């Protein structure tokens, strides 16, 4: 958690604001159907920044994709549920 805190404290406030603004205006829905490789959507159910509904929409839009839910995690699920994240990532990479 300290690692994430340091990233946030050392990030440029201007760049962070610009990145969030750009992401908020970005709509990639038209190109999602063109994805033809295996996709695993890792998402924390308790994410307060990116609603879980977004992961469900991605799963519907990307043929053959699947969601890997992190029931206890939020936006930092890769730290909050590190063992599960590592196991699922390795499993996906081997498939």
N, C-alpha and C. Protein backbone atom coordinates (compact mmCIF):
# COMPACT_ATOMS: atom_id res chain seq x y z
N UNK A 1 0.82 -1.19 0.00
CA UNK A 1 0.00 0.00 0.00
C UNK A 1 0.87 1.26 0.00
N UNK A 2 2.02 1.17 0.67
CA UNK A 2 2.94 2.31 0.68
C UNK A 2 3.43 2.62 -0.74
N UNK A 3 3.66 1.57 -1.52
CA UNK A 3 4.12 1.73 -2.89
C UNK A 3 3.11 2.56 -3.69
N UNK A 4 1.81 2.21 -3.58
CA UNK A 4 0.78 2.97 -4.28
C UNK A 4 0.69 4.40 -3.76
N UNK A 5 0.80 4.54 -2.45
CA UNK A 5 0.76 5.87 -1.86
C UNK A 5 1.90 6.73 -2.40
N UNK A 6 3.11 6.17 -2.49
CA UNK A 6 4.25 6.92 -3.03
C UNK A 6 4.05 7.31 -4.48
N UNK A 7 3.47 6.41 -5.26
CA UNK A 7 3.20 6.75 -6.65
C UNK A 7 2.28 7.96 -6.72
N UNK A 8 1.22 7.94 -5.94
CA UNK A 8 0.26 9.05 -5.94
C UNK A 8 0.87 10.34 -5.44
N UNK A 9 1.69 10.26 -4.41
CA UNK A 9 2.29 11.47 -3.85
C UNK A 9 3.36 12.07 -4.77
N UNK A 10 4.01 11.24 -5.57
CA UNK A 10 5.07 11.72 -6.45
C UNK A 10 4.59 12.07 -7.85
N UNK A 11 3.35 11.73 -8.16
CA UNK A 11 2.82 12.02 -9.50
C UNK A 11 2.54 13.51 -9.65
N UNK A 12 2.71 13.99 -10.85
CA UNK A 12 2.40 15.37 -11.16
C UNK A 12 0.88 15.58 -11.07
N UNK A 13 0.42 16.52 -10.25
CA UNK A 13 -1.03 16.76 -10.17
C UNK A 13 -1.62 17.14 -11.53
N UNK A 14 -0.88 17.93 -12.29
CA UNK A 14 -1.36 18.34 -13.62
C UNK A 14 -1.50 17.12 -14.54
N UNK A 15 -0.47 16.27 -14.60
CA UNK A 15 -0.51 15.10 -15.47
C UNK A 15 -1.60 14.13 -15.03
N UNK A 16 -1.77 13.96 -13.73
CA UNK A 16 -2.80 13.07 -13.22
C UNK A 16 -4.18 13.58 -13.63
N UNK A 17 -4.41 14.85 -13.47
CA UNK A 17 -5.69 15.45 -13.85
C UNK A 17 -5.93 15.30 -15.35
N UNK A 18 -4.91 15.54 -16.15
CA UNK A 18 -5.05 15.43 -17.60
C UNK A 18 -5.33 13.98 -18.02
N UNK A 19 -4.66 13.03 -17.38
CA UNK A 19 -4.86 11.62 -17.71
C UNK A 19 -6.28 11.18 -17.37
N UNK A 20 -6.75 11.56 -16.20
CA UNK A 20 -8.12 11.20 -15.80
C UNK A 20 -9.13 11.82 -16.75
N UNK A 21 -8.91 13.05 -17.12
CA UNK A 21 -9.81 13.74 -18.05
C UNK A 21 -9.83 13.05 -19.41
N UNK A 22 -8.65 12.70 -19.92
CA UNK A 22 -8.57 12.03 -21.23
C UNK A 22 -9.24 10.67 -21.20
N UNK A 23 -9.03 9.91 -20.13
CA UNK A 23 -9.65 8.59 -20.01
C UNK A 23 -11.18 8.71 -19.91
N UNK A 24 -11.65 9.75 -19.25
CA UNK A 24 -13.08 9.95 -19.11
C UNK A 24 -13.77 10.24 -20.43
N UNK A 25 -13.04 10.77 -21.38
CA UNK A 25 -13.60 11.12 -22.68
C UNK A 25 -13.34 10.05 -23.75
N UNK A 26 -12.55 9.04 -23.42
CA UNK A 26 -12.16 8.02 -24.38
C UNK A 26 -13.24 6.94 -24.50
N UNK A 27 -13.67 6.66 -25.71
CA UNK A 27 -14.68 5.63 -25.94
C UNK A 27 -14.11 4.60 -26.91
N UNK A 28 -13.73 3.46 -26.37
CA UNK A 28 -13.13 2.40 -27.19
C UNK A 28 -14.14 1.34 -27.61
N UNK A 29 -15.41 1.53 -27.30
CA UNK A 29 -16.43 0.53 -27.64
C UNK A 29 -16.44 0.13 -29.11
N UNK A 30 -16.25 1.06 -30.04
CA UNK A 30 -16.30 0.66 -31.45
C UNK A 30 -15.20 -0.34 -31.87
N UNK A 31 -14.10 -0.40 -31.16
CA UNK A 31 -13.00 -1.28 -31.56
C UNK A 31 -12.92 -2.58 -30.76
N UNK A 32 -13.71 -2.71 -29.71
CA UNK A 32 -13.64 -3.89 -28.86
C UNK A 32 -13.95 -5.18 -29.61
N UNK A 33 -14.86 -5.12 -30.55
CA UNK A 33 -15.24 -6.32 -31.31
C UNK A 33 -14.12 -6.79 -32.23
N UNK A 34 -13.12 -5.97 -32.45
CA UNK A 34 -11.99 -6.33 -33.32
C UNK A 34 -10.92 -7.12 -32.59
N UNK A 35 -11.03 -7.23 -31.28
CA UNK A 35 -10.04 -7.96 -30.49
C UNK A 35 -10.23 -9.45 -30.74
N UNK A 36 -9.18 -10.11 -31.18
CA UNK A 36 -9.26 -11.52 -31.57
C UNK A 36 -8.29 -12.41 -30.78
N UNK A 37 -7.84 -11.95 -29.66
CA UNK A 37 -6.92 -12.73 -28.83
C UNK A 37 -7.60 -13.02 -27.48
N UNK A 38 -7.12 -14.02 -26.75
CA UNK A 38 -7.71 -14.29 -25.44
C UNK A 38 -7.59 -13.08 -24.51
N UNK A 39 -8.67 -12.82 -23.79
CA UNK A 39 -8.70 -11.67 -22.88
C UNK A 39 -9.27 -12.11 -21.53
N UNK A 40 -8.53 -11.82 -20.48
CA UNK A 40 -9.02 -12.00 -19.12
C UNK A 40 -9.19 -10.60 -18.53
N UNK A 41 -10.36 -10.33 -18.02
CA UNK A 41 -10.65 -9.02 -17.44
C UNK A 41 -10.55 -9.15 -15.93
N UNK A 42 -9.50 -8.62 -15.36
CA UNK A 42 -9.28 -8.65 -13.91
C UNK A 42 -9.95 -7.41 -13.32
N UNK A 43 -10.82 -7.62 -12.33
CA UNK A 43 -11.52 -6.46 -11.78
C UNK A 43 -11.93 -6.70 -10.33
N UNK A 44 -11.70 -5.70 -9.51
CA UNK A 44 -12.11 -5.74 -8.10
C UNK A 44 -13.58 -5.36 -7.99
N UNK A 45 -14.35 -6.19 -7.34
CA UNK A 45 -15.79 -5.96 -7.19
C UNK A 45 -16.05 -4.67 -6.42
N UNK A 46 -15.18 -4.31 -5.50
CA UNK A 46 -15.38 -3.13 -4.66
C UNK A 46 -14.67 -1.89 -5.18
N UNK A 47 -14.32 -1.88 -6.45
CA UNK A 47 -13.62 -0.74 -7.05
C UNK A 47 -14.52 0.49 -7.01
N UNK A 48 -14.04 1.56 -6.39
CA UNK A 48 -14.81 2.80 -6.30
C UNK A 48 -14.52 3.75 -7.47
N UNK A 49 -13.44 3.49 -8.21
CA UNK A 49 -13.08 4.36 -9.34
C UNK A 49 -13.65 3.85 -10.66
N UNK A 50 -13.63 2.55 -10.85
CA UNK A 50 -14.12 1.93 -12.09
C UNK A 50 -15.18 0.90 -11.70
N UNK A 51 -16.41 1.23 -11.96
CA UNK A 51 -17.53 0.37 -11.58
C UNK A 51 -17.40 -1.02 -12.20
N UNK A 52 -17.78 -2.03 -11.45
CA UNK A 52 -17.71 -3.41 -11.93
C UNK A 52 -18.58 -3.62 -13.18
N UNK A 53 -19.60 -2.81 -13.34
CA UNK A 53 -20.46 -2.91 -14.54
C UNK A 53 -19.63 -2.71 -15.81
N UNK A 54 -18.58 -1.92 -15.71
CA UNK A 54 -17.70 -1.72 -16.87
C UNK A 54 -17.02 -3.01 -17.29
N UNK A 55 -16.60 -3.82 -16.32
CA UNK A 55 -15.99 -5.11 -16.63
C UNK A 55 -17.00 -6.03 -17.30
N UNK A 56 -18.24 -5.98 -16.82
CA UNK A 56 -19.30 -6.80 -17.43
C UNK A 56 -19.58 -6.37 -18.87
N UNK A 57 -19.53 -5.07 -19.11
CA UNK A 57 -19.73 -4.57 -20.47
C UNK A 57 -18.58 -4.99 -21.38
N UNK A 58 -17.36 -4.95 -20.87
CA UNK A 58 -16.21 -5.41 -21.64
C UNK A 58 -16.35 -6.88 -22.01
N UNK A 59 -16.77 -7.68 -21.04
CA UNK A 59 -16.92 -9.12 -21.28
C UNK A 59 -17.92 -9.38 -22.40
N UNK A 60 -18.99 -8.60 -22.43
CA UNK A 60 -20.00 -8.77 -23.50
C UNK A 60 -19.46 -8.30 -24.85
N UNK A 61 -18.63 -7.28 -24.84
CA UNK A 61 -18.16 -6.67 -26.08
C UNK A 61 -16.97 -7.40 -26.70
N UNK A 62 -16.20 -8.13 -25.90
CA UNK A 62 -15.00 -8.81 -26.41
C UNK A 62 -15.29 -10.30 -26.46
N UNK A 63 -15.45 -10.81 -27.65
CA UNK A 63 -15.80 -12.22 -27.84
C UNK A 63 -14.73 -13.13 -27.22
N UNK A 64 -15.19 -14.09 -26.43
CA UNK A 64 -14.29 -15.05 -25.82
C UNK A 64 -13.58 -14.57 -24.58
N UNK A 65 -13.92 -13.38 -24.11
CA UNK A 65 -13.27 -12.87 -22.89
C UNK A 65 -13.98 -13.42 -21.66
N UNK A 66 -13.33 -13.29 -20.52
CA UNK A 66 -13.95 -13.68 -19.26
C UNK A 66 -13.44 -12.81 -18.13
N UNK A 67 -14.29 -12.65 -17.13
CA UNK A 67 -13.96 -11.81 -15.97
C UNK A 67 -13.37 -12.69 -14.87
N UNK A 68 -12.34 -12.18 -14.26
CA UNK A 68 -11.80 -12.78 -13.04
C UNK A 68 -12.10 -11.77 -11.93
N UNK A 69 -13.05 -12.14 -11.08
CA UNK A 69 -13.52 -11.25 -10.01
C UNK A 69 -12.60 -11.32 -8.79
N UNK A 70 -12.38 -10.17 -8.21
CA UNK A 70 -11.66 -10.07 -6.95
C UNK A 70 -12.66 -9.53 -5.94
N UNK A 71 -13.28 -10.47 -5.22
CA UNK A 71 -14.41 -10.17 -4.33
C UNK A 71 -14.04 -9.25 -3.17
N UNK A 72 -12.81 -9.31 -2.70
CA UNK A 72 -12.40 -8.51 -1.54
C UNK A 72 -11.70 -7.23 -1.95
N UNK A 73 -11.34 -7.14 -3.22
CA UNK A 73 -10.52 -6.02 -3.67
C UNK A 73 -11.28 -4.90 -4.32
N UNK A 74 -10.61 -3.76 -4.38
CA UNK A 74 -11.13 -2.59 -5.06
C UNK A 74 -10.23 -2.26 -6.24
N UNK A 75 -9.84 -1.00 -6.35
CA UNK A 75 -9.00 -0.56 -7.46
C UNK A 75 -7.58 -1.10 -7.35
N UNK A 76 -7.16 -1.44 -6.14
CA UNK A 76 -5.82 -1.99 -5.92
C UNK A 76 -5.86 -3.49 -5.64
N UNK A 77 -6.75 -4.20 -6.31
CA UNK A 77 -6.93 -5.63 -6.04
C UNK A 77 -5.65 -6.43 -6.21
N UNK A 78 -4.75 -5.98 -7.05
CA UNK A 78 -3.49 -6.71 -7.27
C UNK A 78 -2.60 -6.69 -6.04
N UNK A 79 -2.87 -5.78 -5.12
CA UNK A 79 -2.17 -5.75 -3.84
C UNK A 79 -3.07 -6.35 -2.76
N UNK A 80 -4.34 -5.97 -2.77
CA UNK A 80 -5.29 -6.43 -1.76
C UNK A 80 -5.49 -7.95 -1.79
N UNK A 81 -5.42 -8.52 -2.98
CA UNK A 81 -5.57 -9.97 -3.15
C UNK A 81 -4.40 -10.50 -3.99
N UNK A 82 -3.20 -10.18 -3.53
CA UNK A 82 -1.98 -10.47 -4.29
C UNK A 82 -1.82 -11.94 -4.67
N UNK A 83 -2.07 -12.84 -3.76
CA UNK A 83 -1.89 -14.27 -4.06
C UNK A 83 -2.85 -14.72 -5.15
N UNK A 84 -4.11 -14.30 -5.05
CA UNK A 84 -5.09 -14.67 -6.08
C UNK A 84 -4.71 -14.02 -7.42
N UNK A 85 -4.33 -12.76 -7.38
CA UNK A 85 -3.94 -12.06 -8.61
C UNK A 85 -2.80 -12.80 -9.31
N UNK A 86 -1.75 -13.11 -8.57
CA UNK A 86 -0.60 -13.79 -9.16
C UNK A 86 -0.98 -15.17 -9.71
N UNK A 87 -1.78 -15.90 -8.97
CA UNK A 87 -2.20 -17.24 -9.42
C UNK A 87 -3.05 -17.15 -10.68
N UNK A 88 -3.98 -16.22 -10.72
CA UNK A 88 -4.86 -16.07 -11.89
C UNK A 88 -4.09 -15.56 -13.11
N UNK A 89 -3.17 -14.65 -12.89
CA UNK A 89 -2.36 -14.14 -13.99
C UNK A 89 -1.50 -15.24 -14.58
N UNK A 90 -0.88 -16.03 -13.71
CA UNK A 90 -0.05 -17.14 -14.19
C UNK A 90 -0.91 -18.17 -14.94
N UNK A 91 -2.07 -18.48 -14.39
CA UNK A 91 -2.99 -19.43 -15.04
C UNK A 91 -3.39 -18.93 -16.43
N UNK A 92 -3.73 -17.64 -16.54
CA UNK A 92 -4.11 -17.07 -17.82
C UNK A 92 -2.94 -17.08 -18.80
N UNK A 93 -1.76 -16.74 -18.33
CA UNK A 93 -0.58 -16.69 -19.19
C UNK A 93 -0.23 -18.08 -19.74
N UNK A 94 -0.51 -19.12 -18.97
CA UNK A 94 -0.22 -20.48 -19.40
C UNK A 94 -1.29 -21.05 -20.33
N UNK A 95 -2.46 -20.44 -20.36
CA UNK A 95 -3.55 -21.00 -21.18
C UNK A 95 -3.40 -20.64 -22.65
